All heavy atoms as atom14 arrays in JSON, in Angstrom:
{
  "sequence": "HSYHGAIADLLDARAEAGRMPLLVALHSFTPTLVSAPADRPWEIGYL",
  "atom14_mask": [
    [1, 1, 1, 1, 1, 1, 1, 1, 1, 1, 0, 0, 0, 0],
    [1, 1, 1, 1, 1, 1, 0, 0, 0, 0, 0, 0, 0, 0],
    [1, 1, 1, 1, 1, 1, 1, 1, 1, 1, 1, 1, 0, 0],
    [1, 1, 1, 1, 1, 1, 1, 1, 1, 1, 0, 0, 0, 0],
    [1, 1, 1, 1, 0, 0, 0, 0, 0, 0, 0, 0, 0, 0],
    [1, 1, 1, 1, 1, 0, 0, 0, 0, 0, 0, 0, 0, 0],
    [1, 1, 1, 1, 1, 1, 1, 1, 0, 0, 0, 0, 0, 0],
    [1, 1, 1, 1, 1, 0, 0, 0, 0, 0, 0, 0, 0, 0],
    [1, 1, 1, 1, 1, 1, 1, 1, 0, 0, 0, 0, 0, 0],
    [1, 1, 1, 1, 1, 1, 1, 1, 0, 0, 0, 0, 0, 0],
    [1, 1, 1, 1, 1, 1, 1, 1, 0, 0, 0, 0, 0, 0],
    [1, 1, 1, 1, 1, 1, 1, 1, 0, 0, 0, 0, 0, 0],
    [1, 1, 1, 1, 1, 0, 0, 0, 0, 0, 0, 0, 0, 0],
    [1, 1, 1, 1, 1, 1, 1, 1, 1, 1, 1, 0, 0, 0],
    [1, 1, 1, 1, 1, 0, 0, 0, 0, 0, 0, 0, 0, 0],
    [1, 1, 1, 1, 1, 1, 1, 1, 1, 0, 0, 0, 0, 0],
    [1, 1, 1, 1, 1, 0, 0, 0, 0, 0, 0, 0, 0, 0],
    [1, 1, 1, 1, 0, 0, 0, 0, 0, 0, 0, 0, 0, 0],
    [1, 1, 1, 1, 1, 1, 1, 1, 1, 1, 1, 0, 0, 0],
    [1, 1, 1, 1, 1, 1, 1, 1, 0, 0, 0, 0, 0, 0],
    [1, 1, 1, 1, 1, 1, 1, 0, 0, 0, 0, 0, 0, 0],
    [1, 1, 1, 1, 1, 1, 1, 1, 0, 0, 0, 0, 0, 0],
    [1, 1, 1, 1, 1, 1, 1, 1, 0, 0, 0, 0, 0, 0],
    [1, 1, 1, 1, 1, 1, 1, 0, 0, 0, 0, 0, 0, 0],
    [1, 1, 1, 1, 1, 0, 0, 0, 0, 0, 0, 0, 0, 0],
    [1, 1, 1, 1, 1, 1, 1, 1, 0, 0, 0, 0, 0, 0],
    [1, 1, 1, 1, 1, 1, 1, 1, 1, 1, 0, 0, 0, 0],
    [1, 1, 1, 1, 1, 1, 0, 0, 0, 0, 0, 0, 0, 0],
    [1, 1, 1, 1, 1, 1, 1, 1, 1, 1, 1, 0, 0, 0],
    [1, 1, 1, 1, 1, 1, 1, 0, 0, 0, 0, 0, 0, 0],
    [1, 1, 1, 1, 1, 1, 1, 0, 0, 0, 0, 0, 0, 0],
    [1, 1, 1, 1, 1, 1, 1, 0, 0, 0, 0, 0, 0, 0],
    [1, 1, 1, 1, 1, 1, 1, 1, 0, 0, 0, 0, 0, 0],
    [1, 1, 1, 1, 1, 1, 1, 0, 0, 0, 0, 0, 0, 0],
    [1, 1, 1, 1, 1, 1, 0, 0, 0, 0, 0, 0, 0, 0],
    [1, 1, 1, 1, 1, 0, 0, 0, 0, 0, 0, 0, 0, 0],
    [1, 1, 1, 1, 1, 1, 1, 0, 0, 0, 0, 0, 0, 0],
    [1, 1, 1, 1, 1, 0, 0, 0, 0, 0, 0, 0, 0, 0],
    [1, 1, 1, 1, 1, 1, 1, 1, 0, 0, 0, 0, 0, 0],
    [1, 1, 1, 1, 1, 1, 1, 1, 1, 1, 1, 0, 0, 0],
    [1, 1, 1, 1, 1, 1, 1, 0, 0, 0, 0, 0, 0, 0],
    [1, 1, 1, 1, 1, 1, 1, 1, 1, 1, 1, 1, 1, 1],
    [1, 1, 1, 1, 1, 1, 1, 1, 1, 0, 0, 0, 0, 0],
    [1, 1, 1, 1, 1, 1, 1, 1, 0, 0, 0, 0, 0, 0],
    [1, 1, 1, 1, 0, 0, 0, 0, 0, 0, 0, 0, 0, 0],
    [1, 1, 1, 1, 1, 1, 1, 1, 1, 1, 1, 1, 0, 0],
    [1, 1, 1, 1, 1, 1, 1, 1, 0, 0, 0, 0, 0, 0]
  ],
  "atom14_positions": [
    [[0.82, -1.2, -0.02], [0.0, -0.01, -0.01], [0.84, 1.26, 0.0], [0.53, 2.25, -0.71], [-0.99, 0.02, 1.18], [-2.0, -1.11, 1.11], [-2.81, -1.23, 0.0], [-2.27, -2.1, 1.91], [-3.61, -2.3, 0.18], [-3.32, -2.85, 1.37], [0.0, 0.0, 0.0], [0.0, 0.0, 0.0], [0.0, 0.0, 0.0], [0.0, 0.0, 0.0]],
    [[1.93, 1.25, 0.74], [2.75, 2.5, 0.77], [3.46, 2.74, -0.58], [3.56, 3.84, -1.04], [3.8, 2.4, 1.91], [4.68, 1.27, 1.78], [0.0, 0.0, 0.0], [0.0, 0.0, 0.0], [0.0, 0.0, 0.0], [0.0, 0.0, 0.0], [0.0, 0.0, 0.0], [0.0, 0.0, 0.0], [0.0, 0.0, 0.0], [0.0, 0.0, 0.0]],
    [[3.91, 1.64, -1.2], [4.56, 1.72, -2.51], [3.61, 2.25, -3.55], [3.86, 3.22, -4.27], [5.1, 0.31, -2.89], [5.65, 0.22, -4.28], [7.0, 0.72, -4.57], [4.95, -0.31, -5.31], [7.53, 0.65, -5.84], [5.51, -0.46, -6.61], [6.77, 0.03, -6.85], [7.29, -0.05, -8.12], [0.0, 0.0, 0.0], [0.0, 0.0, 0.0]],
    [[2.47, 1.66, -3.68], [1.5, 2.09, -4.71], [0.89, 3.39, -4.33], [0.51, 4.15, -5.26], [0.42, 0.96, -4.92], [1.05, -0.18, -5.7], [1.39, -0.09, -7.03], [1.43, -1.41, -5.26], [1.89, -1.25, -7.41], [1.99, -2.07, -6.37], [0.0, 0.0, 0.0], [0.0, 0.0, 0.0], [0.0, 0.0, 0.0], [0.0, 0.0, 0.0]],
    [[0.75, 3.7, -3.08], [0.3, 5.06, -2.69], [1.27, 6.13, -3.13], [0.85, 7.2, -3.61], [0.0, 0.0, 0.0], [0.0, 0.0, 0.0], [0.0, 0.0, 0.0], [0.0, 0.0, 0.0], [0.0, 0.0, 0.0], [0.0, 0.0, 0.0], [0.0, 0.0, 0.0], [0.0, 0.0, 0.0], [0.0, 0.0, 0.0], [0.0, 0.0, 0.0]],
    [[2.54, 5.86, -2.99], [3.57, 6.83, -3.44], [3.51, 7.01, -4.98], [3.64, 8.16, -5.45], [4.97, 6.39, -3.02], [0.0, 0.0, 0.0], [0.0, 0.0, 0.0], [0.0, 0.0, 0.0], [0.0, 0.0, 0.0], [0.0, 0.0, 0.0], [0.0, 0.0, 0.0], [0.0, 0.0, 0.0], [0.0, 0.0, 0.0], [0.0, 0.0, 0.0]],
    [[3.35, 5.91, -5.7], [3.21, 6.06, -7.14], [2.0, 6.92, -7.52], [2.06, 7.83, -8.34], [3.13, 4.67, -7.81], [4.45, 3.93, -7.68], [2.78, 4.81, -9.3], [4.39, 2.46, -8.12], [0.0, 0.0, 0.0], [0.0, 0.0, 0.0], [0.0, 0.0, 0.0], [0.0, 0.0, 0.0], [0.0, 0.0, 0.0], [0.0, 0.0, 0.0]],
    [[0.85, 6.6, -6.91], [-0.39, 7.33, -7.17], [-0.21, 8.83, -6.83], [-0.61, 9.66, -7.61], [-1.56, 6.74, -6.38], [0.0, 0.0, 0.0], [0.0, 0.0, 0.0], [0.0, 0.0, 0.0], [0.0, 0.0, 0.0], [0.0, 0.0, 0.0], [0.0, 0.0, 0.0], [0.0, 0.0, 0.0], [0.0, 0.0, 0.0], [0.0, 0.0, 0.0]],
    [[0.41, 9.12, -5.68], [0.61, 10.51, -5.32], [1.5, 11.28, -6.33], [1.18, 12.39, -6.72], [1.27, 10.63, -3.94], [0.39, 10.2, -2.79], [-0.91, 10.11, -3.07], [0.85, 9.96, -1.71], [0.0, 0.0, 0.0], [0.0, 0.0, 0.0], [0.0, 0.0, 0.0], [0.0, 0.0, 0.0], [0.0, 0.0, 0.0], [0.0, 0.0, 0.0]],
    [[2.56, 10.62, -6.8], [3.43, 11.26, -7.78], [2.69, 11.48, -9.11], [2.8, 12.57, -9.7], [4.67, 10.34, -8.02], [5.67, 10.84, -9.08], [6.29, 12.16, -8.63], [6.72, 9.79, -9.3], [0.0, 0.0, 0.0], [0.0, 0.0, 0.0], [0.0, 0.0, 0.0], [0.0, 0.0, 0.0], [0.0, 0.0, 0.0], [0.0, 0.0, 0.0]],
    [[1.95, 10.47, -9.56], [1.24, 10.61, -10.82], [0.11, 11.66, -10.68], [-0.12, 12.39, -11.64], [0.67, 9.28, -11.27], [1.75, 8.23, -11.69], [1.09, 6.92, -11.99], [2.58, 8.75, -12.84], [0.0, 0.0, 0.0], [0.0, 0.0, 0.0], [0.0, 0.0, 0.0], [0.0, 0.0, 0.0], [0.0, 0.0, 0.0], [0.0, 0.0, 0.0]],
    [[-0.54, 11.74, -9.51], [-1.55, 12.77, -9.28], [-0.89, 14.14, -9.4], [-1.5, 15.05, -10.03], [-2.18, 12.59, -7.96], [-3.12, 11.4, -7.83], [-3.53, 10.87, -8.88], [-3.48, 11.03, -6.71], [0.0, 0.0, 0.0], [0.0, 0.0, 0.0], [0.0, 0.0, 0.0], [0.0, 0.0, 0.0], [0.0, 0.0, 0.0], [0.0, 0.0, 0.0]],
    [[0.24, 14.34, -8.81], [0.93, 15.62, -8.86], [1.29, 15.97, -10.27], [1.18, 17.13, -10.72], [2.19, 15.57, -7.95], [0.0, 0.0, 0.0], [0.0, 0.0, 0.0], [0.0, 0.0, 0.0], [0.0, 0.0, 0.0], [0.0, 0.0, 0.0], [0.0, 0.0, 0.0], [0.0, 0.0, 0.0], [0.0, 0.0, 0.0], [0.0, 0.0, 0.0]],
    [[1.8, 14.97, -11.03], [2.14, 15.27, -12.46], [0.93, 15.65, -13.22], [0.95, 16.6, -14.04], [2.77, 14.03, -13.06], [4.13, 13.66, -12.53], [5.18, 14.71, -12.89], [6.58, 14.33, -12.8], [7.24, 13.98, -11.74], [6.65, 13.84, -10.57], [8.55, 13.76, -11.78], [0.0, 0.0, 0.0], [0.0, 0.0, 0.0], [0.0, 0.0, 0.0]],
    [[-0.19, 14.98, -13.02], [-1.45, 15.27, -13.69], [-1.91, 16.67, -13.36], [-2.37, 17.43, -14.28], [-2.53, 14.23, -13.38], [0.0, 0.0, 0.0], [0.0, 0.0, 0.0], [0.0, 0.0, 0.0], [0.0, 0.0, 0.0], [0.0, 0.0, 0.0], [0.0, 0.0, 0.0], [0.0, 0.0, 0.0], [0.0, 0.0, 0.0], [0.0, 0.0, 0.0]],
    [[-1.87, 17.03, -12.11], [-2.3, 18.4, -11.69], [-1.42, 19.45, -12.36], [-1.93, 20.59, -12.59], [-2.26, 18.51, -10.16], [-3.35, 17.73, -9.47], [-3.25, 17.74, -7.99], [-2.52, 18.57, -7.43], [-3.84, 16.85, -7.35], [0.0, 0.0, 0.0], [0.0, 0.0, 0.0], [0.0, 0.0, 0.0], [0.0, 0.0, 0.0], [0.0, 0.0, 0.0]],
    [[-0.18, 19.14, -12.61], [0.76, 20.07, -13.23], [0.63, 20.02, -14.79], [1.35, 20.74, -15.48], [2.18, 19.79, -12.86], [0.0, 0.0, 0.0], [0.0, 0.0, 0.0], [0.0, 0.0, 0.0], [0.0, 0.0, 0.0], [0.0, 0.0, 0.0], [0.0, 0.0, 0.0], [0.0, 0.0, 0.0], [0.0, 0.0, 0.0], [0.0, 0.0, 0.0]],
    [[-0.29, 19.19, -15.28], [-0.49, 19.11, -16.74], [0.57, 18.26, -17.43], [0.77, 18.4, -18.67], [0.0, 0.0, 0.0], [0.0, 0.0, 0.0], [0.0, 0.0, 0.0], [0.0, 0.0, 0.0], [0.0, 0.0, 0.0], [0.0, 0.0, 0.0], [0.0, 0.0, 0.0], [0.0, 0.0, 0.0], [0.0, 0.0, 0.0], [0.0, 0.0, 0.0]],
    [[1.27, 17.39, -16.74], [2.32, 16.58, -17.32], [1.83, 15.16, -17.4], [1.33, 14.62, -16.42], [3.58, 16.68, -16.44], [4.15, 18.06, -16.36], [5.28, 18.22, -15.44], [6.4, 17.39, -15.83], [7.4, 17.11, -15.01], [7.44, 17.58, -13.8], [8.37, 16.33, -15.43], [0.0, 0.0, 0.0], [0.0, 0.0, 0.0], [0.0, 0.0, 0.0]],
    [[2.01, 14.55, -18.54], [1.61, 13.16, -18.78], [2.87, 12.31, -18.94], [3.46, 12.28, -20.02], [0.74, 13.01, -19.99], [-0.63, 13.74, -19.91], [-1.68, 12.99, -18.68], [-2.14, 11.44, -19.49], [0.0, 0.0, 0.0], [0.0, 0.0, 0.0], [0.0, 0.0, 0.0], [0.0, 0.0, 0.0], [0.0, 0.0, 0.0], [0.0, 0.0, 0.0]],
    [[3.33, 11.67, -17.9], [4.58, 10.92, -17.98], [4.41, 9.6, -18.67], [3.28, 9.13, -18.91], [4.94, 10.66, -16.53], [3.63, 10.68, -15.78], [2.74, 11.64, -16.56], [0.0, 0.0, 0.0], [0.0, 0.0, 0.0], [0.0, 0.0, 0.0], [0.0, 0.0, 0.0], [0.0, 0.0, 0.0], [0.0, 0.0, 0.0], [0.0, 0.0, 0.0]],
    [[5.55, 9.01, -19.01], [5.61, 7.65, -19.49], [5.83, 6.82, -18.22], [6.84, 7.01, -17.5], [6.73, 7.45, -20.46], [7.13, 5.99, -20.81], [6.0, 5.3, -21.55], [8.41, 5.96, -21.64], [0.0, 0.0, 0.0], [0.0, 0.0, 0.0], [0.0, 0.0, 0.0], [0.0, 0.0, 0.0], [0.0, 0.0, 0.0], [0.0, 0.0, 0.0]],
    [[4.94, 5.89, -17.93], [5.06, 5.03, -16.79], [5.92, 3.78, -17.23], [5.61, 3.12, -18.17], [3.75, 4.53, -16.28], [3.72, 3.56, -15.11], [4.27, 4.26, -13.85], [2.37, 2.98, -14.88], [0.0, 0.0, 0.0], [0.0, 0.0, 0.0], [0.0, 0.0, 0.0], [0.0, 0.0, 0.0], [0.0, 0.0, 0.0], [0.0, 0.0, 0.0]],
    [[7.0, 3.54, -16.45], [7.85, 2.39, -16.74], [7.9, 1.52, -15.53], [8.31, 1.95, -14.44], [9.31, 2.85, -17.08], [10.21, 1.62, -17.33], [9.32, 3.79, -18.26], [0.0, 0.0, 0.0], [0.0, 0.0, 0.0], [0.0, 0.0, 0.0], [0.0, 0.0, 0.0], [0.0, 0.0, 0.0], [0.0, 0.0, 0.0], [0.0, 0.0, 0.0]],
    [[7.47, 0.25, -15.68], [7.5, -0.72, -14.62], [8.61, -1.77, -14.96], [8.64, -2.32, -16.03], [6.16, -1.45, -14.55], [0.0, 0.0, 0.0], [0.0, 0.0, 0.0], [0.0, 0.0, 0.0], [0.0, 0.0, 0.0], [0.0, 0.0, 0.0], [0.0, 0.0, 0.0], [0.0, 0.0, 0.0], [0.0, 0.0, 0.0], [0.0, 0.0, 0.0]],
    [[9.56, -1.88, -14.01], [10.68, -2.76, -14.21], [10.6, -3.95, -13.24], [10.29, -3.82, -12.09], [12.07, -2.06, -13.89], [12.3, -0.81, -14.75], [13.56, -0.13, -14.23], [12.51, -1.21, -16.19], [0.0, 0.0, 0.0], [0.0, 0.0, 0.0], [0.0, 0.0, 0.0], [0.0, 0.0, 0.0], [0.0, 0.0, 0.0], [0.0, 0.0, 0.0]],
    [[10.87, -5.13, -13.82], [10.82, -6.37, -13.06], [12.01, -7.25, -13.5], [12.77, -6.87, -14.4], [9.51, -7.08, -13.29], [8.31, -6.26, -12.93], [7.78, -6.24, -11.65], [7.56, -5.47, -13.69], [6.77, -5.42, -11.64], [6.58, -4.94, -12.86], [0.0, 0.0, 0.0], [0.0, 0.0, 0.0], [0.0, 0.0, 0.0], [0.0, 0.0, 0.0]],
    [[12.06, -8.45, -12.96], [13.02, -9.41, -13.4], [12.35, -10.78, -13.46], [11.27, -10.98, -12.91], [14.24, -9.48, -12.44], [13.83, -9.95, -11.17], [0.0, 0.0, 0.0], [0.0, 0.0, 0.0], [0.0, 0.0, 0.0], [0.0, 0.0, 0.0], [0.0, 0.0, 0.0], [0.0, 0.0, 0.0], [0.0, 0.0, 0.0], [0.0, 0.0, 0.0]],
    [[13.01, -11.68, -14.2], [12.48, -13.07, -14.29], [13.61, -14.04, -14.19], [14.74, -13.76, -14.48], [11.69, -13.25, -15.6], [12.46, -13.11, -16.87], [13.03, -14.26, -17.48], [12.65, -11.9, -17.47], [13.8, -14.11, -18.64], [13.35, -11.78, -18.69], [13.93, -12.9, -19.26], [0.0, 0.0, 0.0], [0.0, 0.0, 0.0], [0.0, 0.0, 0.0]],
    [[13.26, -15.25, -13.73], [14.26, -16.3, -13.55], [14.7, -16.86, -14.87], [13.91, -16.86, -15.84], [13.67, -17.46, -12.68], [12.53, -18.0, -13.32], [13.35, -16.95, -11.29], [0.0, 0.0, 0.0], [0.0, 0.0, 0.0], [0.0, 0.0, 0.0], [0.0, 0.0, 0.0], [0.0, 0.0, 0.0], [0.0, 0.0, 0.0], [0.0, 0.0, 0.0]],
    [[15.96, -17.28, -15.04], [16.42, -17.87, -16.27], [15.78, -19.21, -16.62], [15.8, -19.63, -17.79], [17.92, -18.01, -16.08], [18.21, -17.79, -14.67], [17.01, -17.15, -14.04], [0.0, 0.0, 0.0], [0.0, 0.0, 0.0], [0.0, 0.0, 0.0], [0.0, 0.0, 0.0], [0.0, 0.0, 0.0], [0.0, 0.0, 0.0], [0.0, 0.0, 0.0]],
    [[15.18, -19.89, -15.67], [14.53, -21.16, -15.88], [13.15, -21.11, -15.2], [13.07, -20.69, -14.03], [15.31, -22.31, -15.29], [16.62, -22.33, -15.88], [14.65, -23.64, -15.54], [0.0, 0.0, 0.0], [0.0, 0.0, 0.0], [0.0, 0.0, 0.0], [0.0, 0.0, 0.0], [0.0, 0.0, 0.0], [0.0, 0.0, 0.0], [0.0, 0.0, 0.0]],
    [[12.14, -21.47, -15.93], [10.82, -21.55, -15.35], [10.73, -22.66, -14.38], [11.09, -23.8, -14.66], [9.77, -21.75, -16.5], [8.29, -21.77, -16.09], [7.91, -20.42, -15.5], [7.44, -22.09, -17.32], [0.0, 0.0, 0.0], [0.0, 0.0, 0.0], [0.0, 0.0, 0.0], [0.0, 0.0, 0.0], [0.0, 0.0, 0.0], [0.0, 0.0, 0.0]],
    [[10.35, -22.37, -13.15], [10.36, -23.35, -12.06], [9.17, -24.34, -12.15], [9.4, -25.51, -11.97], [10.38, -22.62, -10.67], [10.35, -23.61, -9.57], [11.6, -21.74, -10.62], [0.0, 0.0, 0.0], [0.0, 0.0, 0.0], [0.0, 0.0, 0.0], [0.0, 0.0, 0.0], [0.0, 0.0, 0.0], [0.0, 0.0, 0.0], [0.0, 0.0, 0.0]],
    [[8.01, -23.81, -12.47], [6.82, -24.67, -12.43], [6.85, -25.77, -13.48], [6.26, -26.81, -13.28], [5.55, -23.83, -12.56], [5.59, -23.09, -13.8], [0.0, 0.0, 0.0], [0.0, 0.0, 0.0], [0.0, 0.0, 0.0], [0.0, 0.0, 0.0], [0.0, 0.0, 0.0], [0.0, 0.0, 0.0], [0.0, 0.0, 0.0], [0.0, 0.0, 0.0]],
    [[7.43, -25.5, -14.65], [7.56, -26.47, -15.7], [8.96, -26.26, -16.29], [9.07, -25.5, -17.24], [6.49, -26.32, -16.74], [0.0, 0.0, 0.0], [0.0, 0.0, 0.0], [0.0, 0.0, 0.0], [0.0, 0.0, 0.0], [0.0, 0.0, 0.0], [0.0, 0.0, 0.0], [0.0, 0.0, 0.0], [0.0, 0.0, 0.0], [0.0, 0.0, 0.0]],
    [[10.01, -26.87, -15.74], [11.35, -26.49, -16.07], [11.59, -26.32, -17.58], [11.43, -27.26, -18.34], [12.18, -27.62, -15.49], [11.37, -28.09, -14.33], [9.93, -27.97, -14.79], [0.0, 0.0, 0.0], [0.0, 0.0, 0.0], [0.0, 0.0, 0.0], [0.0, 0.0, 0.0], [0.0, 0.0, 0.0], [0.0, 0.0, 0.0], [0.0, 0.0, 0.0]],
    [[12.0, -25.14, -17.93], [12.29, -24.79, -19.33], [13.2, -23.59, -19.3], [12.94, -22.65, -18.49], [11.04, -24.52, -20.17], [0.0, 0.0, 0.0], [0.0, 0.0, 0.0], [0.0, 0.0, 0.0], [0.0, 0.0, 0.0], [0.0, 0.0, 0.0], [0.0, 0.0, 0.0], [0.0, 0.0, 0.0], [0.0, 0.0, 0.0], [0.0, 0.0, 0.0]],
    [[14.21, -23.56, -20.1], [15.08, -22.37, -20.17], [14.37, -21.21, -20.8], [13.49, -21.4, -21.67], [16.34, -22.7, -20.97], [17.31, -23.63, -20.23], [17.2, -23.74, -19.02], [18.16, -24.25, -20.88], [0.0, 0.0, 0.0], [0.0, 0.0, 0.0], [0.0, 0.0, 0.0], [0.0, 0.0, 0.0], [0.0, 0.0, 0.0], [0.0, 0.0, 0.0]],
    [[14.71, -20.04, -20.33], [14.15, -18.76, -20.87], [15.32, -18.02, -21.53], [16.08, -17.42, -20.85], [13.54, -17.99, -19.77], [12.37, -18.64, -19.1], [11.99, -17.94, -17.86], [10.58, -18.1, -17.53], [9.98, -17.56, -16.47], [10.69, -16.81, -15.67], [8.72, -17.77, -16.3], [0.0, 0.0, 0.0], [0.0, 0.0, 0.0], [0.0, 0.0, 0.0]],
    [[15.42, -18.07, -22.82], [16.58, -17.45, -23.48], [16.55, -15.93, -23.57], [17.57, -15.3, -23.85], [16.56, -18.05, -24.87], [15.1, -18.29, -25.12], [14.57, -18.67, -23.81], [0.0, 0.0, 0.0], [0.0, 0.0, 0.0], [0.0, 0.0, 0.0], [0.0, 0.0, 0.0], [0.0, 0.0, 0.0], [0.0, 0.0, 0.0], [0.0, 0.0, 0.0]],
    [[15.42, -15.31, -23.35], [15.28, -13.91, -23.46], [16.13, -13.2, -22.42], [16.12, -13.57, -21.26], [13.81, -13.46, -23.3], [12.94, -14.32, -24.09], [12.69, -14.25, -25.42], [12.14, -15.47, -23.61], [11.83, -15.25, -25.81], [11.48, -15.98, -24.69], [11.97, -16.0, -22.31], [10.64, -17.07, -24.56], [11.16, -17.06, -22.23], [10.48, -17.62, -23.31]],
    [[16.83, -12.16, -22.84], [17.6, -11.37, -21.87], [16.8, -10.23, -21.31], [16.98, -9.82, -20.17], [18.87, -10.89, -22.56], [19.75, -12.07, -23.0], [20.78, -11.69, -24.0], [20.39, -11.44, -25.18], [22.01, -11.62, -23.64], [0.0, 0.0, 0.0], [0.0, 0.0, 0.0], [0.0, 0.0, 0.0], [0.0, 0.0, 0.0], [0.0, 0.0, 0.0]],
    [[15.88, -9.74, -22.11], [14.97, -8.69, -21.69], [13.61, -8.99, -22.37], [13.56, -9.44, -23.52], [15.5, -7.32, -22.16], [14.61, -6.19, -21.67], [15.75, -7.23, -23.62], [15.2, -4.75, -21.89], [0.0, 0.0, 0.0], [0.0, 0.0, 0.0], [0.0, 0.0, 0.0], [0.0, 0.0, 0.0], [0.0, 0.0, 0.0], [0.0, 0.0, 0.0]],
    [[12.54, -8.78, -21.62], [11.23, -8.99, -22.19], [10.36, -7.79, -22.0], [10.27, -7.21, -20.95], [0.0, 0.0, 0.0], [0.0, 0.0, 0.0], [0.0, 0.0, 0.0], [0.0, 0.0, 0.0], [0.0, 0.0, 0.0], [0.0, 0.0, 0.0], [0.0, 0.0, 0.0], [0.0, 0.0, 0.0], [0.0, 0.0, 0.0], [0.0, 0.0, 0.0]],
    [[9.74, -7.34, -23.13], [8.78, -6.25, -23.08], [7.37, -6.88, -22.98], [7.06, -7.77, -23.74], [8.88, -5.38, -24.36], [10.09, -4.53, -24.37], [11.33, -5.07, -24.77], [10.02, -3.2, -23.96], [12.44, -4.25, -24.82], [11.17, -2.4, -23.98], [12.35, -2.91, -24.42], [13.45, -2.14, -24.39], [0.0, 0.0, 0.0], [0.0, 0.0, 0.0]],
    [[6.59, -6.43, -22.07], [5.24, -6.97, -21.78], [4.19, -5.94, -22.0], [4.35, -4.76, -21.68], [5.19, -7.5, -20.38], [6.36, -8.42, -19.88], [6.17, -8.71, -18.41], [6.4, -9.66, -20.68], [0.0, 0.0, 0.0], [0.0, 0.0, 0.0], [0.0, 0.0, 0.0], [0.0, 0.0, 0.0], [0.0, 0.0, 0.0], [0.0, 0.0, 0.0]]
  ]
}
């Protein structure tokens, strides 16, 4: 809640200032899928 509240507050402030940012969400993934073992060759994935 604190993390997503901070994001919402920042985006609200940008909107009030008339600025429309590009939202970028960064994550990571394991090199091998654990639930059904298989290698993941992608180095970066856009979702």
